[in-house]
């Protein structure tokens, strides 16, 4: 399916937010997700389905010193 991921068109195999995060190789514990301009709580990532044309923003938290 095709979605907009961080502003770019992308074909993905994932069917949920959690599957998308994993498909992108990110740590699910360190990612914030916005779907169609709404924040998706981490507890809903496994059950929130993706749909054709969704606009997803993924933000990864990075620590450092």
PDB file of N, CA and C in Angstrom:
ATOM      1  N   UNK A   1       0.849  -1.167   0.000  1.00  0.00           N
ATOM      2  CA  UNK A   1       0.000   0.000   0.000  1.00  0.00           C
ATOM      3  C   UNK A   1       0.891   1.226   0.000  1.00  0.00           C
ATOM      4  N   UNK A   2       0.364   2.312  -0.521  1.00  0.00           N
ATOM      5  CA  UNK A   2       1.155   3.541  -0.566  1.00  0.00           C
ATOM      6  C   UNK A   2       0.642   4.519   0.487  1.00  0.00           C
ATOM      7  N   UNK A   3       1.595   5.074   1.234  1.00  0.00           N
ATOM      8  CA  UNK A   3       1.305   6.081   2.249  1.00  0.00           C
ATOM      9  C   UNK A   3       2.275   7.240   2.066  1.00  0.00           C
ATOM     10  N   UNK A   4       2.034   8.318   2.790  1.00  0.00           N
ATOM     11  CA  UNK A   4       2.997   9.412   2.879  1.00  0.00           C
ATOM     12  C   UNK A   4       3.732   9.216   4.195  1.00  0.00           C
ATOM     13  N   UNK A   5       5.021   8.991   4.135  1.00  0.00           N
ATOM     14  CA  UNK A   5       5.824   8.782   5.340  1.00  0.00           C
ATOM     15  C   UNK A   5       6.821   9.920   5.465  1.00  0.00           C
ATOM     16  N   UNK A   6       6.661  10.714   6.507  1.00  0.00           N
ATOM     17  CA  UNK A   6       7.512  11.893   6.725  1.00  0.00           C
ATOM     18  C   UNK A   6       7.611  12.750   5.466  1.00  0.00           C
ATOM     19  N   UNK A   7       6.443  12.923   4.811  1.00  0.00           N
ATOM     20  CA  UNK A   7       6.370  13.822   3.660  1.00  0.00           C
ATOM     21  C   UNK A   7       6.716  13.219   2.320  1.00  0.00           C
ATOM     22  N   UNK A   8       7.069  11.929   2.276  1.00  0.00           N
ATOM     23  CA  UNK A   8       7.445  11.293   1.018  1.00  0.00           C
ATOM     24  C   UNK A   8       6.560  10.092   0.742  1.00  0.00           C
ATOM     25  N   UNK A   9       6.155   9.925  -0.518  1.00  0.00           N
ATOM     26  CA  UNK A   9       5.361   8.760  -0.908  1.00  0.00           C
ATOM     27  C   UNK A   9       6.211   7.505  -0.714  1.00  0.00           C
ATOM     28  N   UNK A  10       5.581   6.479  -0.155  1.00  0.00           N
ATOM     29  CA  UNK A  10       6.332   5.240   0.107  1.00  0.00           C
ATOM     30  C   UNK A  10       5.390   4.048   0.052  1.00  0.00           C
ATOM     31  N   UNK A  11       5.845   2.986  -0.611  1.00  0.00           N
ATOM     32  CA  UNK A  11       5.107   1.723  -0.614  1.00  0.00           C
ATOM     33  C   UNK A  11       5.564   0.906   0.579  1.00  0.00           C
ATOM     34  N   UNK A  12       4.608   0.417   1.354  1.00  0.00           N
ATOM     35  CA  UNK A  12       4.936  -0.362   2.549  1.00  0.00           C
ATOM     36  C   UNK A  12       4.126  -1.641   2.578  1.00  0.00           C
ATOM     37  N   UNK A  13       4.660  -2.649   3.248  1.00  0.00           N
ATOM     38  CA  UNK A  13       3.953  -3.912   3.433  1.00  0.00           C
ATOM     39  C   UNK A  13       3.201  -3.923   4.753  1.00  0.00           C
ATOM     40  N   UNK A  14       3.559  -3.031   5.666  1.00  0.00           N
ATOM     41  CA  UNK A  14       2.970  -2.991   7.011  1.00  0.00           C
ATOM     42  C   UNK A  14       1.472  -2.716   6.952  1.00  0.00           C
ATOM     43  N   UNK A  15       0.755  -3.312   7.914  1.00  0.00           N
ATOM     44  CA  UNK A  15      -0.685  -3.069   7.990  1.00  0.00           C
ATOM     45  C   UNK A  15      -1.097  -2.375   9.287  1.00  0.00           C
ATOM     46  N   UNK A  16      -0.143  -2.188  10.213  1.00  0.00           N
ATOM     47  CA  UNK A  16      -0.399  -1.454  11.453  1.00  0.00           C
ATOM     48  C   UNK A  16       0.746  -0.473  11.697  1.00  0.00           C
ATOM     49  N   UNK A  17       0.506   0.456  12.620  1.00  0.00           N
ATOM     50  CA  UNK A  17       1.563   1.410  12.990  1.00  0.00           C
ATOM     51  C   UNK A  17       2.783   0.669  13.515  1.00  0.00           C
ATOM     52  N   UNK A  18       2.567  -0.299  14.398  1.00  0.00           N
ATOM     53  CA  UNK A  18       3.697  -1.039  14.962  1.00  0.00           C
ATOM     54  C   UNK A  18       4.485  -1.758  13.879  1.00  0.00           C
ATOM     55  N   UNK A  19       3.800  -2.389  12.948  1.00  0.00           N
ATOM     56  CA  UNK A  19       4.484  -3.086  11.855  1.00  0.00           C
ATOM     57  C   UNK A  19       5.289  -2.097  11.003  1.00  0.00           C
ATOM     58  N   UNK A  20       4.763  -0.891  10.806  1.00  0.00           N
ATOM     59  CA  UNK A  20       5.478   0.126  10.035  1.00  0.00           C
ATOM     60  C   UNK A  20       6.748   0.556  10.755  1.00  0.00           C
ATOM     61  N   UNK A  21       6.645   0.787  12.045  1.00  0.00           N
ATOM     62  CA  UNK A  21       7.816   1.184  12.829  1.00  0.00           C
ATOM     63  C   UNK A  21       8.908   0.114  12.713  1.00  0.00           C
ATOM     64  N   UNK A  22       8.508  -1.138  12.841  1.00  0.00           N
ATOM     65  CA  UNK A  22       9.474  -2.234  12.729  1.00  0.00           C
ATOM     66  C   UNK A  22      10.019  -2.350  11.314  1.00  0.00           C
ATOM     67  N   UNK A  23       9.155  -2.164  10.306  1.00  0.00           N
ATOM     68  CA  UNK A  23       9.594  -2.223   8.905  1.00  0.00           C
ATOM     69  C   UNK A  23      10.643  -1.148   8.618  1.00  0.00           C
ATOM     70  N   UNK A  24      10.521  -0.019   9.302  1.00  0.00           N
ATOM     71  CA  UNK A  24      11.483   1.072   9.125  1.00  0.00           C
ATOM     72  C   UNK A  24      12.760   0.854   9.936  1.00  0.00           C
ATOM     73  N   UNK A  25      12.795  -0.222  10.736  1.00  0.00           N
ATOM     74  CA  UNK A  25      13.984  -0.540  11.510  1.00  0.00           C
ATOM     75  C   UNK A  25      14.157   0.322  12.749  1.00  0.00           C
ATOM     76  N   UNK A  26      13.048   0.871  13.258  1.00  0.00           N
ATOM     77  CA  UNK A  26      13.121   1.747  14.426  1.00  0.00           C
ATOM     78  C   UNK A  26      12.729   0.995  15.694  1.00  0.00           C
ATOM     79  N   UNK A  27      13.194   1.500  16.820  1.00  0.00           N
ATOM     80  CA  UNK A  27      12.858   0.931  18.121  1.00  0.00           C
ATOM     81  C   UNK A  27      11.486   1.470  18.528  1.00  0.00           C
ATOM     82  N   UNK A  28      10.471   0.609  18.656  1.00  0.00           N
ATOM     83  CA  UNK A  28       9.119   1.070  18.977  1.00  0.00           C
ATOM     84  C   UNK A  28       9.028   1.842  20.297  1.00  0.00           C
ATOM     85  N   UNK A  29       9.967   1.626  21.197  1.00  0.00           N
ATOM     86  CA  UNK A  29       9.953   2.328  22.483  1.00  0.00           C
ATOM     87  C   UNK A  29      10.421   3.766  22.361  1.00  0.00           C
ATOM     88  N   UNK A  30      11.070   4.105  21.249  1.00  0.00           N
ATOM     89  CA  UNK A  30      11.668   5.429  21.093  1.00  0.00           C
ATOM     90  C   UNK A  30      11.084   6.216  19.923  1.00  0.00           C
ATOM     91  N   UNK A  31       9.837   5.907  19.560  1.00  0.00           N
ATOM     92  CA  UNK A  31       9.222   6.545  18.398  1.00  0.00           C
ATOM     93  C   UNK A  31       7.884   7.163  18.783  1.00  0.00           C
ATOM     94  N   UNK A  32       7.658   8.371  18.302  1.00  0.00           N
ATOM     95  CA  UNK A  32       6.342   9.001  18.392  1.00  0.00           C
ATOM     96  C   UNK A  32       5.740   8.973  16.992  1.00  0.00           C
ATOM     97  N   UNK A  33       4.425   8.728  16.915  1.00  0.00           N
ATOM     98  CA  UNK A  33       3.773   8.570  15.617  1.00  0.00           C
ATOM     99  C   UNK A  33       2.565   9.494  15.524  1.00  0.00           C
ATOM    100  N   UNK A  34       2.487  10.175  14.380  1.00  0.00           N
ATOM    101  CA  UNK A  34       1.317  10.979  14.055  1.00  0.00           C
ATOM    102  C   UNK A  34       0.699  10.372  12.795  1.00  0.00           C
ATOM    103  N   UNK A  35      -0.605  10.119  12.845  1.00  0.00           N
ATOM    104  CA  UNK A  35      -1.332   9.566  11.687  1.00  0.00           C
ATOM    105  C   UNK A  35      -2.421  10.552  11.304  1.00  0.00           C
ATOM    106  N   UNK A  36      -2.344  11.070  10.095  1.00  0.00           N
ATOM    107  CA  UNK A  36      -3.334  12.019   9.592  1.00  0.00           C
ATOM    108  C   UNK A  36      -3.579  13.162  10.582  1.00  0.00           C
ATOM    109  N   UNK A  37      -2.472  13.736  11.050  1.00  0.00           N
ATOM    110  CA  UNK A  37      -2.451  14.916  11.933  1.00  0.00           C
ATOM    111  C   UNK A  37      -2.906  14.638  13.363  1.00  0.00           C
ATOM    112  N   UNK A  38      -2.996  13.368  13.756  1.00  0.00           N
ATOM    113  CA  UNK A  38      -3.353  13.033  15.135  1.00  0.00           C
ATOM    114  C   UNK A  38      -2.294  12.112  15.733  1.00  0.00           C
ATOM    115  N   UNK A  39      -1.875  12.430  16.964  1.00  0.00           N
ATOM    116  CA  UNK A  39      -0.904  11.593  17.661  1.00  0.00           C
ATOM    117  C   UNK A  39      -1.554  10.240  17.972  1.00  0.00           C
ATOM    118  N   UNK A  40      -0.815   9.169  17.722  1.00  0.00           N
ATOM    119  CA  UNK A  40      -1.288   7.824  18.056  1.00  0.00           C
ATOM    120  C   UNK A  40      -0.558   7.374  19.319  1.00  0.00           C
ATOM    121  N   UNK A  41      -1.275   7.177  20.423  1.00  0.00           N
ATOM    122  CA  UNK A  41      -0.617   6.713  21.647  1.00  0.00           C
ATOM    123  C   UNK A  41       0.105   5.387  21.422  1.00  0.00           C
ATOM    124  N   UNK A  42       1.258   5.243  22.044  1.00  0.00           N
ATOM    125  CA  UNK A  42       2.070   4.037  21.868  1.00  0.00           C
ATOM    126  C   UNK A  42       1.264   2.762  22.155  1.00  0.00           C
ATOM    127  N   UNK A  43       0.364   2.820  23.112  1.00  0.00           N
ATOM    128  CA  UNK A  43      -0.426   1.638  23.463  1.00  0.00           C
ATOM    129  C   UNK A  43      -1.338   1.196  22.321  1.00  0.00           C
ATOM    130  N   UNK A  44      -1.611   2.093  21.362  1.00  0.00           N
ATOM    131  CA  UNK A  44      -2.478   1.751  20.229  1.00  0.00           C
ATOM    132  C   UNK A  44      -1.713   1.389  18.960  1.00  0.00           C
ATOM    133  N   UNK A  45      -0.391   1.485  18.984  1.00  0.00           N
ATOM    134  CA  UNK A  45       0.392   1.164  17.786  1.00  0.00           C
ATOM    135  C   UNK A  45       0.109  -0.241  17.244  1.00  0.00           C
ATOM    136  N   UNK A  46      -0.004  -1.272  18.099  1.00  0.00           N
ATOM    137  CA  UNK A  46      -0.238  -2.620  17.556  1.00  0.00           C
ATOM    138  C   UNK A  46      -1.606  -2.794  16.904  1.00  0.00           C
ATOM    139  N   UNK A  47      -2.583  -1.987  17.268  1.00  0.00           N
ATOM    140  CA  UNK A  47      -3.943  -2.197  16.764  1.00  0.00           C
ATOM    141  C   UNK A  47      -4.426  -1.116  15.806  1.00  0.00           C
ATOM    142  N   UNK A  48      -3.626  -0.082  15.591  1.00  0.00           N
ATOM    143  CA  UNK A  48      -4.027   0.987  14.675  1.00  0.00           C
ATOM    144  C   UNK A  48      -3.658   0.597  13.248  1.00  0.00           C
ATOM    145  N   UNK A  49      -4.688   0.358  12.444  1.00  0.00           N
ATOM    146  CA  UNK A  49      -4.477  -0.088  11.065  1.00  0.00           C
ATOM    147  C   UNK A  49      -4.067   1.073  10.170  1.00  0.00           C
ATOM    148  N   UNK A  50      -3.213   0.765   9.207  1.00  0.00           N
ATOM    149  CA  UNK A  50      -2.857   1.729   8.178  1.00  0.00           C
ATOM    150  C   UNK A  50      -3.833   1.589   7.020  1.00  0.00           C
ATOM    151  N   UNK A  51      -4.062   2.694   6.324  1.00  0.00           N
ATOM    152  CA  UNK A  51      -4.925   2.685   5.147  1.00  0.00           C
ATOM    153  C   UNK A  51      -4.208   3.391   4.000  1.00  0.00           C
ATOM    154  N   UNK A  52      -4.561   3.011   2.789  1.00  0.00           N
ATOM    155  CA  UNK A  52      -4.006   3.634   1.589  1.00  0.00           C
ATOM    156  C   UNK A  52      -4.118   5.152   1.718  1.00  0.00           C
ATOM    157  N   UNK A  53      -2.991   5.847   1.475  1.00  0.00           N
ATOM    158  CA  UNK A  53      -2.987   7.303   1.485  1.00  0.00           C
ATOM    159  C   UNK A  53      -2.794   7.952   2.845  1.00  0.00           C
ATOM    160  N   UNK A  54      -2.672   7.151   3.918  1.00  0.00           N
ATOM    161  CA  UNK A  54      -2.436   7.736   5.239  1.00  0.00           C
ATOM    162  C   UNK A  54      -1.200   8.620   5.202  1.00  0.00           C
ATOM    163  N   UNK A  55      -1.232   9.688   5.997  1.00  0.00           N
ATOM    164  CA  UNK A  55      -0.065  10.560   6.173  1.00  0.00           C
ATOM    165  C   UNK A  55       0.507  10.276   7.546  1.00  0.00           C
ATOM    166  N   UNK A  56       1.685   9.681   7.554  1.00  0.00           N
ATOM    167  CA  UNK A  56       2.335   9.253   8.787  1.00  0.00           C
ATOM    168  C   UNK A  56       3.606  10.075   8.996  1.00  0.00           C
ATOM    169  N   UNK A  57       3.762  10.541  10.219  1.00  0.00           N
ATOM    170  CA  UNK A  57       5.016  11.178  10.639  1.00  0.00           C
ATOM    171  C   UNK A  57       5.612  10.338  11.758  1.00  0.00           C
ATOM    172  N   UNK A  58       6.844   9.914  11.585  1.00  0.00           N
ATOM    173  CA  UNK A  58       7.573   9.169  12.604  1.00  0.00           C
ATOM    174  C   UNK A  58       8.700  10.043  13.131  1.00  0.00           C
ATOM    175  N   UNK A  59       8.762  10.165  14.455  1.00  0.00           N
ATOM    176  CA  UNK A  59       9.828  10.935  15.086  1.00  0.00           C
ATOM    177  C   UNK A  59      10.524  10.012  16.068  1.00  0.00           C
ATOM    178  N   UNK A  60      11.834   9.872  15.892  1.00  0.00           N
ATOM    179  CA  UNK A  60      12.606   8.994  16.775  1.00  0.00           C
ATOM    180  C   UNK A  60      13.328   9.845  17.810  1.00  0.00           C
ATOM    181  N   UNK A  61      13.196   9.453  19.068  1.00  0.00           N
ATOM    182  CA  UNK A  61      13.886  10.144  20.155  1.00  0.00           C
ATOM    183  C   UNK A  61      15.332   9.676  20.187  1.00  0.00           C
ATOM    184  N   UNK A  62      16.238  10.631  20.318  1.00  0.00           N
ATOM    185  CA  UNK A  62      17.659  10.329  20.363  1.00  0.00           C
ATOM    186  C   UNK A  62      18.241  10.959  21.622  1.00  0.00           C
ATOM    187  N   UNK A  63      18.915  10.159  22.405  1.00  0.00           N
ATOM    188  CA  UNK A  63      19.566  10.675  23.605  1.00  0.00           C
ATOM    189  C   UNK A  63      21.028  10.945  23.345  1.00  0.00           C
ATOM    190  N   UNK A  64      21.591  11.758  24.139  1.00  0.00           N
ATOM    191  CA  UNK A  64      23.008  12.040  23.977  1.00  0.00           C
ATOM    192  C   UNK A  64      23.469  12.983  25.068  1.00  0.00           C
ATOM    193  N   UNK A  65      24.741  13.250  25.035  1.00  0.00           N
ATOM    194  CA  UNK A  65      25.235  14.112  26.085  1.00  0.00           C
ATOM    195  C   UNK A  65      26.305  15.020  25.632  1.00  0.00           C
TER     196      UNK A  65
END
